[in-house]
């Protein structure tokens, strides 16, 4: 099958007009504009990518349903494969006025450690994905993770836009759910 390159239509650039700096993206729409595909109706899909400047959204057009299906499957599978291969990401953050590292592991979930002092990290918090009740962000620099424990919601200052981290969490969770066969 020969695929035609999709037409790239920049839809929205949230904060600035800079080039992509991360690959923390996801598919957010695939199909005809509204309703069932009809002759002459554009088939499209959209991607969102979390960058240090905010969210970039791109809209692509496919010429036939088969191309749309192939692109959609390829993007989703590529994100899942990337999540499994990446396995772990880590970023500096401030938690309770202390400089720390947030680590998100594909298999093991979340951990917050202090910066090394005398060569050793100290684990402040560790939780599997199953404990995560809610996550949110302010779109500027704060990430909020609620594991439902006695500490309540964790407020992490990431010192940069939290969207790449949020999108990585979503990619890890989506890949894990798909791997377990929980998606039809």
N, C-alpha and C. Protein backbone atom coordinates (compact mmCIF):
# COMPACT_ATOMS: atom_id res chain seq x y z
N UNK A 1 0.84 -1.16 0.00
CA UNK A 1 0.00 0.00 0.00
C UNK A 1 0.89 1.24 0.00
N UNK A 2 0.65 2.13 -0.89
CA UNK A 2 1.41 3.38 -0.97
C UNK A 2 0.61 4.48 -0.27
N UNK A 3 1.22 5.08 0.73
CA UNK A 3 0.54 6.16 1.45
C UNK A 3 0.91 7.50 0.86
N UNK A 4 -0.05 8.35 0.80
CA UNK A 4 0.19 9.72 0.37
C UNK A 4 0.50 10.55 1.61
N UNK A 5 1.40 11.47 1.48
CA UNK A 5 1.70 12.34 2.62
C UNK A 5 0.49 13.20 2.92
N UNK A 6 0.16 13.32 4.20
CA UNK A 6 -0.98 14.16 4.54
C UNK A 6 -0.64 15.63 4.37
N UNK A 7 -1.65 16.41 4.11
CA UNK A 7 -1.51 17.86 4.04
C UNK A 7 -1.44 18.39 5.46
N UNK A 8 -0.40 19.10 5.79
CA UNK A 8 -0.25 19.63 7.14
C UNK A 8 -0.92 21.00 7.21
N UNK A 9 -1.87 21.12 8.11
CA UNK A 9 -2.56 22.39 8.31
C UNK A 9 -2.37 22.79 9.77
N UNK A 10 -1.45 23.71 10.06
CA UNK A 10 -1.30 24.11 11.46
C UNK A 10 -2.61 24.68 11.97
N UNK A 11 -3.11 24.14 13.05
CA UNK A 11 -4.40 24.54 13.57
C UNK A 11 -4.27 25.57 14.67
N UNK A 12 -3.38 25.30 15.61
CA UNK A 12 -3.26 26.21 16.74
C UNK A 12 -1.87 26.04 17.34
N UNK A 13 -1.24 27.12 17.63
CA UNK A 13 0.02 27.12 18.36
C UNK A 13 -0.24 27.92 19.62
N UNK A 14 -0.18 27.27 20.75
CA UNK A 14 -0.64 27.89 21.98
C UNK A 14 0.29 28.98 22.49
N UNK A 15 1.57 28.69 22.60
CA UNK A 15 2.48 29.68 23.17
C UNK A 15 3.68 29.84 22.26
N UNK A 16 3.58 30.72 21.33
CA UNK A 16 4.71 30.99 20.46
C UNK A 16 4.66 30.20 19.17
N UNK A 17 5.63 30.48 18.32
CA UNK A 17 5.68 29.84 17.01
C UNK A 17 7.03 29.15 16.85
N UNK A 18 7.44 28.39 17.87
CA UNK A 18 8.73 27.72 17.85
C UNK A 18 8.59 26.31 17.30
N UNK A 19 9.73 25.77 16.89
CA UNK A 19 9.71 24.40 16.37
C UNK A 19 9.48 23.41 17.50
N UNK A 20 9.04 22.22 17.13
CA UNK A 20 8.79 21.15 18.09
C UNK A 20 10.07 20.83 18.84
N UNK A 21 10.01 20.79 20.15
CA UNK A 21 11.19 20.47 20.94
C UNK A 21 11.07 19.12 21.62
N UNK A 22 9.86 18.56 21.65
CA UNK A 22 9.68 17.26 22.29
C UNK A 22 8.84 16.37 21.39
N UNK A 23 8.81 15.10 21.71
CA UNK A 23 7.98 14.17 20.96
C UNK A 23 6.88 13.62 21.86
N UNK A 24 6.39 14.45 22.73
CA UNK A 24 5.39 14.04 23.71
C UNK A 24 4.00 14.34 23.15
N UNK A 25 3.58 13.53 22.19
CA UNK A 25 2.33 13.83 21.50
C UNK A 25 1.32 12.72 21.58
N UNK A 26 0.14 13.04 21.07
CA UNK A 26 -0.92 12.05 21.03
C UNK A 26 -1.91 12.39 19.94
N UNK A 27 -2.63 11.37 19.50
CA UNK A 27 -3.70 11.52 18.52
C UNK A 27 -4.94 11.98 19.27
N UNK A 28 -5.59 13.04 18.80
CA UNK A 28 -6.77 13.54 19.51
C UNK A 28 -8.04 13.48 18.68
N UNK A 29 -7.93 13.24 17.38
CA UNK A 29 -9.12 13.16 16.53
C UNK A 29 -8.77 12.35 15.30
N UNK A 30 -9.70 11.52 14.87
CA UNK A 30 -9.52 10.78 13.63
C UNK A 30 -10.88 10.49 13.05
N UNK A 31 -11.10 10.88 11.81
CA UNK A 31 -12.36 10.58 11.15
C UNK A 31 -12.86 11.74 10.33
N UNK A 32 -14.08 11.59 9.81
CA UNK A 32 -14.66 12.70 9.06
C UNK A 32 -15.00 13.83 10.03
N UNK A 33 -15.18 15.02 9.48
CA UNK A 33 -15.52 16.17 10.31
C UNK A 33 -16.65 15.88 11.27
N UNK A 34 -17.80 15.46 10.78
CA UNK A 34 -18.94 15.10 11.61
C UNK A 34 -19.75 14.06 10.86
N UNK A 35 -20.24 13.06 11.59
CA UNK A 35 -21.07 12.03 10.96
C UNK A 35 -20.26 11.03 10.17
N UNK A 36 -20.94 10.26 9.33
CA UNK A 36 -20.30 9.22 8.52
C UNK A 36 -19.59 9.84 7.33
N UNK A 37 -18.50 9.18 6.88
CA UNK A 37 -17.80 9.71 5.71
C UNK A 37 -18.70 9.67 4.48
N UNK A 38 -18.71 10.74 3.74
CA UNK A 38 -19.48 10.83 2.51
C UNK A 38 -18.55 11.30 1.41
N UNK A 39 -18.94 11.06 0.18
CA UNK A 39 -18.12 11.50 -0.94
C UNK A 39 -17.91 13.01 -0.85
N UNK A 40 -16.69 13.44 -1.04
CA UNK A 40 -16.39 14.86 -1.01
C UNK A 40 -16.15 15.43 0.38
N UNK A 41 -16.27 14.60 1.42
CA UNK A 41 -16.06 15.07 2.79
C UNK A 41 -14.61 14.81 3.17
N UNK A 42 -13.96 15.80 3.76
CA UNK A 42 -12.57 15.64 4.18
C UNK A 42 -12.45 14.63 5.31
N UNK A 43 -11.48 13.74 5.18
CA UNK A 43 -11.11 12.83 6.26
C UNK A 43 -9.88 13.44 6.92
N UNK A 44 -9.88 13.51 8.23
CA UNK A 44 -8.77 14.18 8.89
C UNK A 44 -8.43 13.52 10.22
N UNK A 45 -7.25 13.85 10.71
CA UNK A 45 -6.86 13.47 12.06
C UNK A 45 -6.02 14.61 12.62
N UNK A 46 -6.00 14.70 13.93
CA UNK A 46 -5.26 15.78 14.59
C UNK A 46 -4.34 15.20 15.64
N UNK A 47 -3.22 15.85 15.82
CA UNK A 47 -2.28 15.47 16.88
C UNK A 47 -2.05 16.67 17.78
N UNK A 48 -1.78 16.39 19.04
CA UNK A 48 -1.41 17.42 20.01
C UNK A 48 -0.07 17.02 20.59
N UNK A 49 0.81 17.98 20.71
CA UNK A 49 2.13 17.72 21.25
C UNK A 49 2.42 18.71 22.37
N UNK A 50 2.83 18.18 23.51
CA UNK A 50 3.22 19.04 24.62
C UNK A 50 4.64 19.50 24.43
N UNK A 51 4.85 20.80 24.41
CA UNK A 51 6.18 21.37 24.27
C UNK A 51 6.47 22.28 25.46
N UNK A 52 7.69 22.73 25.57
CA UNK A 52 8.04 23.64 26.65
C UNK A 52 7.31 24.98 26.52
N UNK A 53 6.81 25.28 25.33
CA UNK A 53 6.07 26.53 25.12
C UNK A 53 4.56 26.35 25.24
N UNK A 54 4.08 25.14 25.45
CA UNK A 54 2.65 24.88 25.53
C UNK A 54 2.27 23.72 24.64
N UNK A 55 1.06 23.76 24.11
CA UNK A 55 0.56 22.67 23.27
C UNK A 55 0.54 23.09 21.82
N UNK A 56 1.06 22.24 20.95
CA UNK A 56 0.96 22.44 19.50
C UNK A 56 -0.04 21.44 18.97
N UNK A 57 -0.97 21.93 18.15
CA UNK A 57 -1.96 21.07 17.52
C UNK A 57 -1.78 21.15 16.02
N UNK A 58 -1.82 20.00 15.35
CA UNK A 58 -1.72 19.95 13.90
C UNK A 58 -2.87 19.11 13.36
N UNK A 59 -3.46 19.58 12.28
CA UNK A 59 -4.54 18.87 11.62
C UNK A 59 -4.01 18.34 10.29
N UNK A 60 -4.26 17.06 10.02
CA UNK A 60 -3.81 16.42 8.79
C UNK A 60 -5.03 15.92 8.03
N UNK A 61 -4.92 15.87 6.71
CA UNK A 61 -6.00 15.36 5.88
C UNK A 61 -5.53 14.10 5.16
N UNK A 62 -6.42 13.10 5.10
CA UNK A 62 -6.15 11.88 4.34
C UNK A 62 -7.12 11.85 3.16
N UNK A 63 -6.69 11.24 2.07
CA UNK A 63 -7.53 11.23 0.87
C UNK A 63 -8.58 10.14 0.90
N UNK A 64 -8.25 8.98 1.49
CA UNK A 64 -9.22 7.88 1.54
C UNK A 64 -9.24 7.28 2.94
N UNK A 65 -10.32 6.58 3.26
CA UNK A 65 -10.49 6.00 4.60
C UNK A 65 -9.36 5.05 4.97
N UNK A 66 -8.89 4.28 4.00
CA UNK A 66 -7.81 3.33 4.27
C UNK A 66 -6.54 4.05 4.73
N UNK A 67 -6.22 5.17 4.08
CA UNK A 67 -5.06 5.97 4.50
C UNK A 67 -5.26 6.52 5.90
N UNK A 68 -6.46 7.00 6.18
CA UNK A 68 -6.76 7.54 7.51
C UNK A 68 -6.57 6.47 8.58
N UNK A 69 -7.09 5.28 8.31
CA UNK A 69 -6.95 4.17 9.26
C UNK A 69 -5.48 3.82 9.49
N UNK A 70 -4.72 3.78 8.41
CA UNK A 70 -3.31 3.43 8.53
C UNK A 70 -2.55 4.49 9.34
N UNK A 71 -2.75 5.76 9.03
CA UNK A 71 -2.08 6.83 9.76
C UNK A 71 -2.46 6.78 11.24
N UNK A 72 -3.74 6.60 11.51
CA UNK A 72 -4.22 6.57 12.90
C UNK A 72 -3.56 5.44 13.68
N UNK A 73 -3.60 4.22 13.12
CA UNK A 73 -2.98 3.08 13.79
C UNK A 73 -1.48 3.30 13.98
N UNK A 74 -0.83 3.83 12.96
CA UNK A 74 0.62 4.04 13.03
C UNK A 74 1.00 5.05 14.11
N UNK A 75 0.24 6.13 14.22
CA UNK A 75 0.54 7.14 15.24
C UNK A 75 0.34 6.57 16.63
N UNK A 76 -0.78 5.92 16.85
CA UNK A 76 -1.07 5.35 18.18
C UNK A 76 -0.03 4.29 18.53
N UNK A 77 0.25 3.38 17.61
CA UNK A 77 1.23 2.33 17.87
C UNK A 77 2.62 2.92 18.09
N UNK A 78 2.97 3.95 17.32
CA UNK A 78 4.26 4.61 17.50
C UNK A 78 4.40 5.23 18.88
N UNK A 79 3.33 5.88 19.35
CA UNK A 79 3.36 6.45 20.71
C UNK A 79 3.52 5.37 21.76
N UNK A 80 2.81 4.25 21.59
CA UNK A 80 2.91 3.15 22.55
C UNK A 80 4.30 2.52 22.53
N UNK A 81 4.83 2.30 21.34
CA UNK A 81 6.19 1.74 21.24
C UNK A 81 7.21 2.67 21.87
N UNK A 82 7.06 3.96 21.61
CA UNK A 82 7.97 4.95 22.19
C UNK A 82 7.90 4.94 23.71
N UNK A 83 6.69 4.82 24.26
CA UNK A 83 6.52 4.78 25.72
C UNK A 83 7.25 3.58 26.31
N UNK A 84 7.10 2.42 25.68
CA UNK A 84 7.76 1.22 26.19
C UNK A 84 9.28 1.33 26.09
N UNK A 85 9.77 1.89 24.98
CA UNK A 85 11.22 2.01 24.79
C UNK A 85 11.83 3.07 25.70
N UNK A 86 11.08 4.14 25.95
CA UNK A 86 11.58 5.21 26.82
C UNK A 86 11.73 4.70 28.24
N UNK A 87 10.74 3.97 28.71
CA UNK A 87 10.72 3.31 30.02
C UNK A 87 10.70 4.26 31.21
N UNK A 88 11.45 5.34 31.18
CA UNK A 88 11.51 6.22 32.34
C UNK A 88 11.90 7.63 31.93
N UNK A 89 11.25 8.61 32.54
CA UNK A 89 11.67 10.00 32.37
C UNK A 89 11.84 10.61 33.76
N UNK A 90 12.67 11.62 33.82
CA UNK A 90 12.95 12.25 35.09
C UNK A 90 13.12 13.75 34.84
N UNK A 91 12.62 14.56 35.76
CA UNK A 91 12.74 16.00 35.62
C UNK A 91 12.92 16.65 36.98
N UNK A 92 13.63 17.76 36.99
CA UNK A 92 13.80 18.52 38.23
C UNK A 92 12.47 19.16 38.61
N UNK A 93 12.24 19.28 39.90
CA UNK A 93 11.02 19.94 40.38
C UNK A 93 11.26 20.46 41.79
N UNK A 94 10.33 21.27 42.25
CA UNK A 94 10.35 21.71 43.64
C UNK A 94 9.09 21.17 44.30
N UNK A 95 9.28 20.49 45.42
CA UNK A 95 8.16 19.92 46.19
C UNK A 95 8.34 20.35 47.64
N UNK A 96 7.34 21.04 48.17
CA UNK A 96 7.40 21.54 49.55
C UNK A 96 8.69 22.33 49.82
N UNK A 97 8.98 23.24 48.90
CA UNK A 97 10.16 24.13 49.00
C UNK A 97 11.49 23.39 49.00
N UNK A 98 11.51 22.17 48.47
CA UNK A 98 12.74 21.39 48.41
C UNK A 98 13.00 21.00 46.96
N UNK A 99 14.25 21.16 46.51
CA UNK A 99 14.62 20.75 45.16
C UNK A 99 14.64 19.23 45.08
N UNK A 100 13.90 18.69 44.11
CA UNK A 100 13.73 17.23 43.99
C UNK A 100 13.79 16.81 42.53
N UNK A 101 13.59 15.51 42.31
CA UNK A 101 13.43 14.94 40.97
C UNK A 101 12.15 14.13 40.95
N UNK A 102 11.32 14.40 39.95
CA UNK A 102 10.14 13.58 39.68
C UNK A 102 10.55 12.57 38.63
N UNK A 103 10.36 11.30 38.93
CA UNK A 103 10.64 10.23 37.98
C UNK A 103 9.35 9.50 37.70
N UNK A 104 9.07 9.30 36.41
CA UNK A 104 7.90 8.54 36.00
C UNK A 104 8.42 7.34 35.23
N UNK A 105 8.15 6.16 35.75
CA UNK A 105 8.63 4.91 35.17
C UNK A 105 7.46 4.19 34.52
N UNK A 106 7.68 3.68 33.32
CA UNK A 106 6.62 3.01 32.56
C UNK A 106 5.98 1.87 33.35
N UNK A 107 6.76 1.09 34.06
CA UNK A 107 6.23 -0.04 34.82
C UNK A 107 5.89 0.30 36.26
N UNK A 108 6.74 1.09 36.92
CA UNK A 108 6.65 1.27 38.37
C UNK A 108 5.89 2.50 38.84
N UNK A 109 5.58 3.43 37.95
CA UNK A 109 4.82 4.60 38.36
C UNK A 109 5.68 5.79 38.72
N UNK A 110 5.32 6.45 39.81
CA UNK A 110 5.87 7.76 40.17
C UNK A 110 6.80 7.67 41.38
N UNK A 111 7.84 8.49 41.37
CA UNK A 111 8.65 8.66 42.58
C UNK A 111 9.19 10.08 42.60
N UNK A 112 9.34 10.58 43.81
CA UNK A 112 9.97 11.88 44.03
C UNK A 112 11.15 11.63 44.94
N UNK A 113 12.32 12.09 44.51
CA UNK A 113 13.54 11.92 45.29
C UNK A 113 14.21 13.27 45.50
N UNK A 114 14.95 13.38 46.59
CA UNK A 114 15.73 14.60 46.80
C UNK A 114 16.94 14.56 45.88
N UNK A 115 17.47 15.72 45.59
CA UNK A 115 18.70 15.78 44.81
C UNK A 115 19.80 15.10 45.63
N UNK A 116 20.77 14.49 44.96
CA UNK A 116 21.80 13.75 45.69
C UNK A 116 22.55 14.62 46.70
N UNK A 117 22.64 14.10 47.89
CA UNK A 117 23.45 14.73 48.93
C UNK A 117 24.37 13.63 49.45
N UNK A 118 25.64 13.89 49.38
CA UNK A 118 26.63 12.88 49.75
C UNK A 118 26.48 11.63 48.87
N UNK A 119 26.12 11.84 47.60
CA UNK A 119 26.07 10.76 46.63
C UNK A 119 24.84 9.89 46.63
N UNK A 120 23.87 10.14 47.51
CA UNK A 120 22.71 9.26 47.57
C UNK A 120 21.40 10.05 47.43
N UNK A 121 20.45 9.46 46.69
CA UNK A 121 19.12 10.03 46.58
C UNK A 121 18.29 9.54 47.76
N UNK A 122 17.37 10.36 48.23
CA UNK A 122 16.44 9.94 49.27
C UNK A 122 15.04 9.97 48.67
N UNK A 123 14.33 8.85 48.74
CA UNK A 123 12.98 8.78 48.18
C UNK A 123 12.00 9.42 49.15
N UNK A 124 11.29 10.42 48.66
CA UNK A 124 10.28 11.12 49.46
C UNK A 124 8.91 10.47 49.29
N UNK A 125 8.62 10.05 48.05
CA UNK A 125 7.31 9.49 47.74
C UNK A 125 7.46 8.51 46.58
N UNK A 126 6.70 7.44 46.64
CA UNK A 126 6.67 6.47 45.55
C UNK A 126 5.25 5.93 45.46
N UNK A 127 4.69 5.86 44.24
CA UNK A 127 3.32 5.37 44.07
C UNK A 127 3.16 4.76 42.68
N UNK A 128 2.44 3.64 42.60
CA UNK A 128 2.15 3.04 41.30
C UNK A 128 1.02 3.81 40.61
N UNK A 129 0.85 3.58 39.33
CA UNK A 129 -0.22 4.25 38.56
C UNK A 129 -1.59 4.00 39.17
N UNK A 130 -1.79 2.81 39.74
CA UNK A 130 -3.10 2.44 40.28
C UNK A 130 -3.55 3.37 41.40
N UNK A 131 -2.61 4.02 42.07
CA UNK A 131 -2.94 4.92 43.18
C UNK A 131 -3.32 6.33 42.71
N UNK A 132 -2.96 6.67 41.47
CA UNK A 132 -3.25 8.01 40.96
C UNK A 132 -4.75 8.19 40.78
N UNK A 133 -5.31 9.14 41.51
CA UNK A 133 -6.75 9.42 41.44
C UNK A 133 -7.05 10.52 40.43
N UNK A 134 -6.15 11.51 40.35
CA UNK A 134 -6.36 12.64 39.47
C UNK A 134 -5.03 13.35 39.22
N UNK A 135 -4.93 13.93 38.04
CA UNK A 135 -3.78 14.79 37.75
C UNK A 135 -4.29 16.02 37.02
N UNK A 136 -3.60 17.12 37.20
CA UNK A 136 -3.94 18.35 36.48
C UNK A 136 -2.71 19.24 36.47
N UNK A 137 -2.81 20.34 35.74
CA UNK A 137 -1.70 21.28 35.67
C UNK A 137 -2.26 22.67 35.42
N UNK A 138 -1.41 23.67 35.60
CA UNK A 138 -1.84 25.05 35.37
C UNK A 138 -1.43 25.56 33.99
N UNK A 139 -0.78 24.71 33.18
CA UNK A 139 -0.35 25.11 31.85
C UNK A 139 0.86 26.03 31.84
N UNK A 140 1.38 26.34 33.01
CA UNK A 140 2.52 27.26 33.09
C UNK A 140 3.74 26.56 33.67
N UNK A 141 3.60 26.04 34.92
CA UNK A 141 4.74 25.35 35.55
C UNK A 141 4.35 24.36 36.63
N UNK A 142 3.10 24.35 37.07
CA UNK A 142 2.68 23.49 38.18
C UNK A 142 2.00 22.21 37.69
N UNK A 143 2.37 21.09 38.30
CA UNK A 143 1.74 19.79 38.06
C UNK A 143 1.14 19.34 39.38
N UNK A 144 -0.12 18.89 39.34
CA UNK A 144 -0.82 18.44 40.54
C UNK A 144 -1.13 16.96 40.39
N UNK A 145 -0.69 16.15 41.35
CA UNK A 145 -0.94 14.72 41.34
C UNK A 145 -1.63 14.35 42.65
N UNK A 146 -2.78 13.70 42.55
CA UNK A 146 -3.53 13.31 43.74
C UNK A 146 -3.55 11.79 43.82
N UNK A 147 -2.87 11.25 44.83
CA UNK A 147 -2.82 9.81 45.04
C UNK A 147 -3.78 9.37 46.14
N UNK A 148 -4.58 10.31 46.65
CA UNK A 148 -5.61 9.98 47.62
C UNK A 148 -5.11 9.65 49.01
N UNK A 149 -3.87 9.83 49.29
CA UNK A 149 -3.32 9.49 50.61
C UNK A 149 -3.51 10.61 51.62
N UNK A 150 -2.87 10.43 52.74
CA UNK A 150 -2.98 11.42 53.82
C UNK A 150 -2.39 12.76 53.43
N UNK A 151 -1.45 12.76 52.50
CA UNK A 151 -0.82 14.01 52.05
C UNK A 151 -1.71 14.81 51.10
N UNK A 152 -2.75 14.17 50.56
CA UNK A 152 -3.62 14.85 49.61
C UNK A 152 -2.93 15.07 48.28
N UNK A 153 -3.26 16.16 47.64
CA UNK A 153 -2.73 16.47 46.32
C UNK A 153 -1.29 16.97 46.42
N UNK A 154 -0.41 16.38 45.62
CA UNK A 154 0.98 16.84 45.55
C UNK A 154 1.06 18.00 44.57
N UNK A 155 1.71 19.07 44.96
CA UNK A 155 1.91 20.23 44.09
C UNK A 155 3.38 20.30 43.74
N UNK A 156 3.68 20.09 42.46
CA UNK A 156 5.06 20.06 42.00
C UNK A 156 5.32 21.23 41.06
N UNK A 157 6.31 22.02 41.37
CA UNK A 157 6.73 23.12 40.49
C UNK A 157 7.78 22.54 39.56
N UNK A 158 7.45 22.42 38.27
CA UNK A 158 8.38 21.82 37.31
C UNK A 158 9.33 22.84 36.68
N UNK A 159 9.19 24.12 37.02
CA UNK A 159 10.06 25.18 36.51
C UNK A 159 9.93 25.39 35.01
N UNK A 160 8.94 24.78 34.39
CA UNK A 160 8.70 24.89 32.95
C UNK A 160 7.28 24.40 32.69
N UNK A 161 6.83 24.54 31.47
CA UNK A 161 5.49 24.09 31.11
C UNK A 161 5.34 22.59 31.43
N UNK A 162 4.29 22.20 32.14
CA UNK A 162 4.10 20.80 32.53
C UNK A 162 3.53 19.91 31.43
N UNK A 163 3.12 20.49 30.30
CA UNK A 163 2.43 19.70 29.26
C UNK A 163 3.24 18.50 28.75
N UNK A 164 4.55 18.63 28.50
CA UNK A 164 5.27 17.42 28.05
C UNK A 164 5.17 16.27 29.06
N UNK A 165 5.26 16.58 30.35
CA UNK A 165 5.17 15.54 31.38
C UNK A 165 3.77 14.95 31.40
N UNK A 166 2.75 15.80 31.32
CA UNK A 166 1.36 15.32 31.30
C UNK A 166 1.14 14.39 30.11
N UNK A 167 1.64 14.77 28.93
CA UNK A 167 1.45 13.94 27.75
C UNK A 167 2.21 12.62 27.86
N UNK A 168 3.38 12.64 28.51
CA UNK A 168 4.12 11.39 28.72
C UNK A 168 3.34 10.47 29.66
N UNK A 169 2.77 11.03 30.72
CA UNK A 169 1.93 10.22 31.62
C UNK A 169 0.79 9.59 30.83
N UNK A 170 0.11 10.38 29.99
CA UNK A 170 -0.99 9.85 29.18
C UNK A 170 -0.51 8.75 28.24
N UNK A 171 0.65 8.95 27.61
CA UNK A 171 1.19 7.94 26.70
C UNK A 171 1.54 6.65 27.44
N UNK A 172 2.17 6.77 28.60
CA UNK A 172 2.50 5.59 29.40
C UNK A 172 1.22 4.83 29.78
N UNK A 173 0.22 5.55 30.26
CA UNK A 173 -1.03 4.90 30.67
C UNK A 173 -1.74 4.26 29.49
N UNK A 174 -1.82 4.94 28.36
CA UNK A 174 -2.47 4.40 27.17
C UNK A 174 -1.77 3.13 26.70
N UNK A 175 -0.43 3.15 26.68
CA UNK A 175 0.33 1.98 26.26
C UNK A 175 0.11 0.80 27.21
N UNK A 176 0.08 1.08 28.50
CA UNK A 176 -0.13 0.01 29.49
C UNK A 176 -1.53 -0.59 29.34
N UNK A 177 -2.54 0.25 29.15
CA UNK A 177 -3.91 -0.23 28.99
C UNK A 177 -4.03 -1.08 27.73
N UNK A 178 -3.44 -0.62 26.64
CA UNK A 178 -3.48 -1.37 25.39
C UNK A 178 -2.76 -2.71 25.54
N UNK A 179 -1.60 -2.68 26.21
CA UNK A 179 -0.83 -3.91 26.42
C UNK A 179 -1.64 -4.94 27.21
N UNK A 180 -2.46 -4.47 28.14
CA UNK A 180 -3.30 -5.37 28.94
C UNK A 180 -4.53 -5.85 28.18
N UNK A 181 -4.74 -5.30 26.98
CA UNK A 181 -5.89 -5.71 26.18
C UNK A 181 -7.21 -5.13 26.66
N UNK A 182 -7.15 -4.00 27.36
CA UNK A 182 -8.37 -3.41 27.91
C UNK A 182 -9.05 -2.45 26.95
N UNK A 183 -8.49 -2.28 25.74
CA UNK A 183 -9.09 -1.39 24.74
C UNK A 183 -9.58 -2.25 23.58
N UNK A 184 -10.80 -1.99 23.14
CA UNK A 184 -11.37 -2.78 22.04
C UNK A 184 -10.76 -2.39 20.73
